[in-house]
Amino acid sequence: MTKLITLFIVCVVLFAGWSLLKYWEKVENEKDTEQKQAAASVVHGDQLAGLPYELQASLQDAEKRGAAALGSWLKTYGAKVQDPRKAWIELDYCEMVAREDPAEAKRVFEAVKSRTPPSSPVWPRIHDLEKSYE
C-alpha cells in the first residue's frame, strides 16, 4: 500500500512539474511576442508617408543646418508636405528651436497636437513631448 501511495505522489509531482514547464513556455512566448510587436511598432520619421520624393534632399540639408533653416524650409515647402510626415518634421523643429524660442516651440507643438488624431503613428511622440511643451 505504501508503494502505491509513493508511486501516486511521484506521478502527481511529475505532472505538476510538466504543467509548470508548459505554463512557463507559454509565458515566455507571450513575452517574446510582445517585445517583437513593440519593436515593430517603433516609428521612424523617415518611414512616414506625406513627403514628396523631390523634397527629401532639401529637408535633410535643412535639418543639418539647424533650427532656422528647418523653420524656413517649413515655411517654403510646408504646404506640399502632408501629415503624418509634416507633423513629424514640425516636432523635430520644435525640439530644435525650444532653447532659442520656447514660445515658438510651444505654438508649433500645440498646432501639431490639435490636428493629429490619437490613431496617428505620430501620436506616441506627441504624448512623450507633451509635458515639455505644456
N, C-alpha and C. Protein backbone atom coordinates (compact mmCIF):
# COMPACT_ATOMS: atom_id res chain seq x y z
N MET A 1 0.81 -1.18 0.00
CA MET A 1 0.00 0.00 0.00
C MET A 1 0.87 1.27 0.00
N THR A 2 1.95 1.29 0.77
CA THR A 2 2.82 2.46 0.82
C THR A 2 3.52 2.68 -0.52
N LYS A 3 3.82 1.59 -1.23
CA LYS A 3 4.44 1.72 -2.55
C LYS A 3 3.46 2.37 -3.52
N LEU A 4 2.22 2.04 -3.42
CA LEU A 4 1.20 2.61 -4.27
C LEU A 4 1.03 4.11 -3.99
N ILE A 5 1.05 4.49 -2.73
CA ILE A 5 0.94 5.90 -2.34
C ILE A 5 2.17 6.66 -2.83
N THR A 6 3.35 6.08 -2.68
CA THR A 6 4.59 6.71 -3.14
C THR A 6 4.56 6.90 -4.65
N LEU A 7 4.11 5.89 -5.39
CA LEU A 7 4.00 5.99 -6.83
C LEU A 7 3.01 7.08 -7.24
N PHE A 8 1.91 7.18 -6.52
CA PHE A 8 0.91 8.21 -6.78
C PHE A 8 1.50 9.61 -6.55
N ILE A 9 2.22 9.78 -5.46
CA ILE A 9 2.83 11.08 -5.15
C ILE A 9 3.86 11.45 -6.21
N VAL A 10 4.66 10.50 -6.66
CA VAL A 10 5.67 10.76 -7.69
C VAL A 10 4.97 11.18 -9.00
N CYS A 11 3.89 10.48 -9.34
CA CYS A 11 3.15 10.85 -10.56
C CYS A 11 2.56 12.25 -10.45
N VAL A 12 2.02 12.61 -9.31
CA VAL A 12 1.45 13.94 -9.12
C VAL A 12 2.55 15.00 -9.22
N VAL A 13 3.69 14.76 -8.63
CA VAL A 13 4.80 15.71 -8.69
C VAL A 13 5.29 15.86 -10.14
N LEU A 14 5.43 14.75 -10.87
CA LEU A 14 5.86 14.83 -12.27
C LEU A 14 4.84 15.58 -13.12
N PHE A 15 3.56 15.33 -12.91
CA PHE A 15 2.52 16.03 -13.66
C PHE A 15 2.53 17.52 -13.35
N ALA A 16 2.69 17.86 -12.07
CA ALA A 16 2.74 19.28 -11.68
C ALA A 16 3.97 19.96 -12.30
N GLY A 17 5.11 19.28 -12.30
CA GLY A 17 6.32 19.84 -12.92
C GLY A 17 6.14 20.04 -14.41
N TRP A 18 5.52 19.08 -15.09
CA TRP A 18 5.27 19.18 -16.52
C TRP A 18 4.31 20.34 -16.81
N SER A 19 3.26 20.48 -16.01
CA SER A 19 2.30 21.57 -16.18
C SER A 19 2.98 22.93 -15.96
N LEU A 20 3.83 23.01 -14.96
CA LEU A 20 4.54 24.26 -14.68
C LEU A 20 5.48 24.61 -15.84
N LEU A 21 6.14 23.62 -16.41
CA LEU A 21 7.03 23.84 -17.55
C LEU A 21 6.24 24.35 -18.76
N LYS A 22 5.09 23.77 -19.04
CA LYS A 22 4.26 24.23 -20.15
C LYS A 22 3.78 25.66 -19.93
N TYR A 23 3.40 25.98 -18.71
CA TYR A 23 2.96 27.34 -18.39
C TYR A 23 4.12 28.33 -18.57
N TRP A 24 5.30 27.97 -18.12
CA TRP A 24 6.47 28.82 -18.27
C TRP A 24 6.77 29.09 -19.75
N GLU A 25 6.69 28.07 -20.59
CA GLU A 25 6.91 28.25 -22.02
C GLU A 25 5.88 29.19 -22.63
N LYS A 26 4.63 29.05 -22.20
CA LYS A 26 3.56 29.92 -22.69
C LYS A 26 3.84 31.37 -22.33
N VAL A 27 4.23 31.63 -21.09
CA VAL A 27 4.53 32.99 -20.64
C VAL A 27 5.72 33.56 -21.41
N GLU A 28 6.74 32.80 -21.62
CA GLU A 28 7.92 33.26 -22.37
C GLU A 28 7.55 33.58 -23.82
N ASN A 29 6.73 32.74 -24.43
CA ASN A 29 6.31 33.01 -25.81
C ASN A 29 5.49 34.29 -25.90
N GLU A 30 4.62 34.53 -24.94
CA GLU A 30 3.83 35.76 -24.93
C GLU A 30 4.72 36.99 -24.75
N LYS A 31 5.72 36.86 -23.87
CA LYS A 31 6.64 37.97 -23.65
C LYS A 31 7.46 38.26 -24.91
N ASP A 32 7.93 37.23 -25.59
CA ASP A 32 8.67 37.42 -26.83
C ASP A 32 7.81 38.07 -27.90
N THR A 33 6.56 37.64 -27.98
CA THR A 33 5.64 38.21 -28.95
C THR A 33 5.40 39.69 -28.67
N GLU A 34 5.21 40.05 -27.40
CA GLU A 34 5.00 41.45 -27.04
C GLU A 34 6.21 42.29 -27.39
N GLN A 35 7.41 41.76 -27.13
CA GLN A 35 8.63 42.51 -27.45
C GLN A 35 8.77 42.71 -28.96
N LYS A 36 8.44 41.69 -29.73
CA LYS A 36 8.52 41.81 -31.19
C LYS A 36 7.50 42.83 -31.70
N GLN A 37 6.30 42.82 -31.13
CA GLN A 37 5.30 43.78 -31.55
C GLN A 37 5.70 45.20 -31.17
N ALA A 38 6.29 45.37 -29.99
CA ALA A 38 6.74 46.70 -29.57
C ALA A 38 7.85 47.20 -30.48
N ALA A 39 8.78 46.32 -30.84
CA ALA A 39 9.86 46.72 -31.74
C ALA A 39 9.33 47.06 -33.13
N ALA A 40 8.32 46.34 -33.57
CA ALA A 40 7.75 46.60 -34.89
C ALA A 40 6.94 47.89 -34.91
N SER A 41 6.42 48.30 -33.77
CA SER A 41 5.58 49.49 -33.74
C SER A 41 6.38 50.78 -33.54
N VAL A 42 7.68 50.69 -33.36
CA VAL A 42 8.51 51.89 -33.24
C VAL A 42 8.52 52.61 -34.58
N VAL A 43 8.18 53.86 -34.55
CA VAL A 43 8.04 54.64 -35.78
C VAL A 43 9.26 55.54 -35.95
N HIS A 44 9.77 55.56 -37.17
CA HIS A 44 10.85 56.47 -37.53
C HIS A 44 10.29 57.47 -38.52
N GLY A 45 10.70 58.70 -38.40
CA GLY A 45 10.18 59.75 -39.26
C GLY A 45 10.40 59.50 -40.73
N ASP A 46 11.51 58.86 -41.09
CA ASP A 46 11.80 58.61 -42.49
C ASP A 46 10.83 57.63 -43.13
N GLN A 47 10.15 56.83 -42.31
CA GLN A 47 9.24 55.81 -42.82
C GLN A 47 7.83 56.33 -43.06
N LEU A 48 7.53 57.52 -42.59
CA LEU A 48 6.17 58.04 -42.69
C LEU A 48 5.88 58.60 -44.08
N ALA A 49 4.64 58.48 -44.46
CA ALA A 49 4.20 58.99 -45.76
C ALA A 49 3.90 60.48 -45.67
N GLY A 50 3.91 61.13 -46.82
CA GLY A 50 3.50 62.53 -46.88
C GLY A 50 4.55 63.48 -47.41
N LEU A 51 5.78 63.02 -47.58
CA LEU A 51 6.84 63.89 -48.09
C LEU A 51 7.13 63.52 -49.54
N PRO A 52 6.94 64.46 -50.47
CA PRO A 52 7.29 64.16 -51.87
C PRO A 52 8.79 63.85 -51.98
N TYR A 53 9.09 62.92 -52.86
CA TYR A 53 10.47 62.45 -53.01
C TYR A 53 11.44 63.58 -53.34
N GLU A 54 11.00 64.51 -54.16
CA GLU A 54 11.92 65.58 -54.60
C GLU A 54 12.30 66.54 -53.47
N LEU A 55 11.56 66.52 -52.36
CA LEU A 55 11.88 67.40 -51.23
C LEU A 55 12.77 66.73 -50.18
N GLN A 56 13.03 65.45 -50.32
CA GLN A 56 13.80 64.70 -49.32
C GLN A 56 15.20 65.30 -49.13
N ALA A 57 15.89 65.57 -50.21
CA ALA A 57 17.27 66.09 -50.11
C ALA A 57 17.30 67.47 -49.45
N SER A 58 16.37 68.34 -49.83
CA SER A 58 16.36 69.68 -49.24
C SER A 58 16.00 69.63 -47.75
N LEU A 59 15.14 68.68 -47.37
CA LEU A 59 14.80 68.52 -45.95
C LEU A 59 16.02 68.08 -45.15
N GLN A 60 16.73 67.12 -45.66
CA GLN A 60 17.94 66.65 -44.95
C GLN A 60 18.96 67.77 -44.82
N ASP A 61 19.11 68.55 -45.85
CA ASP A 61 20.04 69.68 -45.80
C ASP A 61 19.60 70.70 -44.75
N ALA A 62 18.30 71.00 -44.72
CA ALA A 62 17.79 71.97 -43.75
C ALA A 62 17.94 71.45 -42.31
N GLU A 63 17.73 70.16 -42.11
CA GLU A 63 17.90 69.59 -40.77
C GLU A 63 19.35 69.68 -40.31
N LYS A 64 20.27 69.50 -41.22
CA LYS A 64 21.69 69.59 -40.87
C LYS A 64 22.10 71.02 -40.52
N ARG A 65 21.47 72.01 -41.16
CA ARG A 65 21.85 73.40 -40.94
C ARG A 65 21.23 74.00 -39.69
N GLY A 66 20.25 73.34 -39.08
CA GLY A 66 19.73 73.83 -37.81
C GLY A 66 18.30 74.30 -37.84
N ALA A 67 17.89 74.88 -36.69
CA ALA A 67 16.50 75.27 -36.47
C ALA A 67 16.03 76.35 -37.43
N ALA A 68 16.86 77.37 -37.67
CA ALA A 68 16.45 78.46 -38.56
C ALA A 68 16.22 77.96 -39.98
N ALA A 69 17.11 77.11 -40.44
CA ALA A 69 16.98 76.56 -41.80
C ALA A 69 15.75 75.66 -41.90
N LEU A 70 15.51 74.86 -40.88
CA LEU A 70 14.34 73.98 -40.90
C LEU A 70 13.05 74.81 -40.84
N GLY A 71 13.06 75.88 -40.05
CA GLY A 71 11.90 76.76 -39.99
C GLY A 71 11.59 77.39 -41.34
N SER A 72 12.62 77.88 -42.02
CA SER A 72 12.38 78.48 -43.34
C SER A 72 11.98 77.41 -44.36
N TRP A 73 12.51 76.18 -44.22
CA TRP A 73 12.10 75.08 -45.09
C TRP A 73 10.62 74.78 -44.90
N LEU A 74 10.17 74.78 -43.65
CA LEU A 74 8.75 74.54 -43.38
C LEU A 74 7.87 75.64 -43.97
N LYS A 75 8.33 76.88 -43.88
CA LYS A 75 7.55 77.98 -44.46
C LYS A 75 7.48 77.86 -45.98
N THR A 76 8.58 77.43 -46.59
CA THR A 76 8.64 77.33 -48.05
C THR A 76 7.89 76.12 -48.57
N TYR A 77 8.15 74.95 -47.99
CA TYR A 77 7.62 73.71 -48.53
C TYR A 77 6.54 73.05 -47.67
N GLY A 78 6.19 73.64 -46.55
CA GLY A 78 5.24 73.03 -45.63
C GLY A 78 3.90 72.70 -46.25
N ALA A 79 3.45 73.50 -47.20
CA ALA A 79 2.15 73.25 -47.84
C ALA A 79 2.19 72.01 -48.74
N LYS A 80 3.37 71.63 -49.21
CA LYS A 80 3.50 70.47 -50.09
C LYS A 80 3.63 69.16 -49.32
N VAL A 81 3.90 69.26 -48.03
CA VAL A 81 4.09 68.07 -47.20
C VAL A 81 2.79 67.78 -46.46
N GLN A 82 2.44 66.51 -46.36
CA GLN A 82 1.20 66.11 -45.70
C GLN A 82 1.50 65.36 -44.42
N ASP A 83 0.49 65.34 -43.55
CA ASP A 83 0.61 64.54 -42.33
C ASP A 83 0.60 63.07 -42.70
N PRO A 84 1.25 62.23 -41.99
CA PRO A 84 1.90 62.37 -40.69
C PRO A 84 3.35 62.87 -40.76
N ARG A 85 3.92 62.90 -41.96
CA ARG A 85 5.32 63.31 -42.06
C ARG A 85 5.50 64.78 -41.69
N LYS A 86 4.54 65.61 -42.06
CA LYS A 86 4.63 67.03 -41.72
C LYS A 86 4.64 67.22 -40.20
N ALA A 87 3.79 66.48 -39.51
CA ALA A 87 3.76 66.57 -38.05
C ALA A 87 5.10 66.15 -37.46
N TRP A 88 5.70 65.10 -38.01
CA TRP A 88 6.99 64.63 -37.51
C TRP A 88 8.07 65.70 -37.72
N ILE A 89 8.09 66.30 -38.88
CA ILE A 89 9.08 67.34 -39.18
C ILE A 89 8.88 68.54 -38.26
N GLU A 90 7.63 68.93 -38.04
CA GLU A 90 7.36 70.06 -37.15
C GLU A 90 7.75 69.74 -35.71
N LEU A 91 7.61 68.50 -35.29
CA LEU A 91 8.07 68.13 -33.94
C LEU A 91 9.59 68.19 -33.86
N ASP A 92 10.26 67.79 -34.94
CA ASP A 92 11.72 67.95 -34.98
C ASP A 92 12.09 69.43 -34.85
N TYR A 93 11.36 70.28 -35.56
CA TYR A 93 11.59 71.72 -35.47
C TYR A 93 11.35 72.22 -34.05
N CYS A 94 10.31 71.74 -33.40
CA CYS A 94 10.03 72.14 -32.01
C CYS A 94 11.22 71.83 -31.11
N GLU A 95 11.76 70.63 -31.27
CA GLU A 95 12.89 70.23 -30.43
C GLU A 95 14.13 71.08 -30.72
N MET A 96 14.31 71.45 -31.98
CA MET A 96 15.49 72.26 -32.33
C MET A 96 15.37 73.70 -31.82
N VAL A 97 14.18 74.28 -31.92
CA VAL A 97 14.00 75.69 -31.61
C VAL A 97 13.67 75.92 -30.13
N ALA A 98 13.45 74.89 -29.36
CA ALA A 98 12.97 75.03 -27.98
C ALA A 98 13.90 75.87 -27.11
N ARG A 99 15.19 75.76 -27.28
CA ARG A 99 16.12 76.53 -26.44
C ARG A 99 16.17 78.00 -26.85
N GLU A 100 16.10 78.25 -28.14
CA GLU A 100 16.22 79.62 -28.65
C GLU A 100 14.91 80.40 -28.52
N ASP A 101 13.79 79.73 -28.81
CA ASP A 101 12.50 80.41 -28.82
C ASP A 101 11.42 79.46 -28.28
N PRO A 102 11.31 79.35 -26.95
CA PRO A 102 10.35 78.41 -26.36
C PRO A 102 8.90 78.72 -26.74
N ALA A 103 8.57 79.98 -26.94
CA ALA A 103 7.19 80.33 -27.31
C ALA A 103 6.85 79.79 -28.70
N GLU A 104 7.79 79.89 -29.62
CA GLU A 104 7.59 79.35 -30.97
C GLU A 104 7.45 77.83 -30.92
N ALA A 105 8.28 77.19 -30.13
CA ALA A 105 8.21 75.73 -30.00
C ALA A 105 6.85 75.30 -29.44
N LYS A 106 6.38 76.02 -28.45
CA LYS A 106 5.09 75.69 -27.85
C LYS A 106 3.95 75.92 -28.85
N ARG A 107 4.03 77.00 -29.61
CA ARG A 107 2.99 77.30 -30.60
C ARG A 107 2.92 76.21 -31.67
N VAL A 108 4.07 75.81 -32.18
CA VAL A 108 4.11 74.78 -33.22
C VAL A 108 3.64 73.45 -32.64
N PHE A 109 4.06 73.14 -31.42
CA PHE A 109 3.63 71.88 -30.80
C PHE A 109 2.12 71.84 -30.63
N GLU A 110 1.53 72.91 -30.17
CA GLU A 110 0.08 72.95 -29.99
C GLU A 110 -0.64 72.79 -31.33
N ALA A 111 -0.10 73.39 -32.38
CA ALA A 111 -0.71 73.25 -33.71
C ALA A 111 -0.67 71.79 -34.18
N VAL A 112 0.46 71.15 -33.96
CA VAL A 112 0.59 69.74 -34.35
C VAL A 112 -0.35 68.88 -33.52
N LYS A 113 -0.38 69.12 -32.23
CA LYS A 113 -1.21 68.32 -31.34
C LYS A 113 -2.70 68.47 -31.68
N SER A 114 -3.11 69.67 -32.02
CA SER A 114 -4.53 69.91 -32.28
C SER A 114 -5.02 69.23 -33.56
N ARG A 115 -4.14 69.04 -34.53
CA ARG A 115 -4.58 68.44 -35.79
C ARG A 115 -4.26 66.95 -35.91
N THR A 116 -3.54 66.38 -34.93
CA THR A 116 -3.14 64.99 -35.00
C THR A 116 -4.08 64.11 -34.18
N PRO A 117 -4.73 63.13 -34.80
CA PRO A 117 -5.63 62.26 -34.05
C PRO A 117 -4.83 61.20 -33.26
N PRO A 118 -5.41 60.66 -32.20
CA PRO A 118 -4.72 59.63 -31.42
C PRO A 118 -4.39 58.37 -32.22
N SER A 119 -5.02 58.15 -33.33
CA SER A 119 -4.74 56.97 -34.15
C SER A 119 -3.51 57.16 -35.05
N SER A 120 -2.96 58.35 -35.07
CA SER A 120 -1.81 58.65 -35.92
C SER A 120 -0.55 57.97 -35.41
N PRO A 121 0.35 57.57 -36.31
CA PRO A 121 1.62 56.98 -35.86
C PRO A 121 2.52 57.99 -35.15
N VAL A 122 2.21 59.27 -35.25
CA VAL A 122 3.00 60.31 -34.59
C VAL A 122 2.53 60.54 -33.15
N TRP A 123 1.34 60.07 -32.81
CA TRP A 123 0.75 60.34 -31.50
C TRP A 123 1.65 59.92 -30.33
N PRO A 124 2.31 58.75 -30.34
CA PRO A 124 3.18 58.42 -29.20
C PRO A 124 4.28 59.46 -28.97
N ARG A 125 4.82 60.01 -30.04
CA ARG A 125 5.84 61.04 -29.88
C ARG A 125 5.25 62.31 -29.30
N ILE A 126 4.04 62.67 -29.74
CA ILE A 126 3.37 63.85 -29.19
C ILE A 126 3.13 63.64 -27.70
N HIS A 127 2.69 62.45 -27.35
CA HIS A 127 2.43 62.15 -25.94
C HIS A 127 3.71 62.25 -25.12
N ASP A 128 4.82 61.78 -25.66
CA ASP A 128 6.11 61.85 -24.95
C ASP A 128 6.58 63.29 -24.77
N LEU A 129 6.33 64.14 -25.74
CA LEU A 129 6.80 65.54 -25.67
C LEU A 129 5.83 66.46 -24.97
N GLU A 130 4.64 65.98 -24.67
CA GLU A 130 3.58 66.83 -24.16
C GLU A 130 3.97 67.59 -22.88
N LYS A 131 4.63 66.93 -21.96
CA LYS A 131 5.00 67.59 -20.70
C LYS A 131 6.04 68.67 -20.90
N SER A 132 6.85 68.54 -21.93
CA SER A 132 7.88 69.55 -22.19
C SER A 132 7.29 70.85 -22.70
N TYR A 133 6.14 70.77 -23.37
CA TYR A 133 5.58 71.96 -24.01
C TYR A 133 4.27 72.41 -23.40
N GLU A 134 3.98 72.03 -22.19
CA GLU A 134 2.75 72.49 -21.50
C GLU A 134 2.92 73.88 -20.95
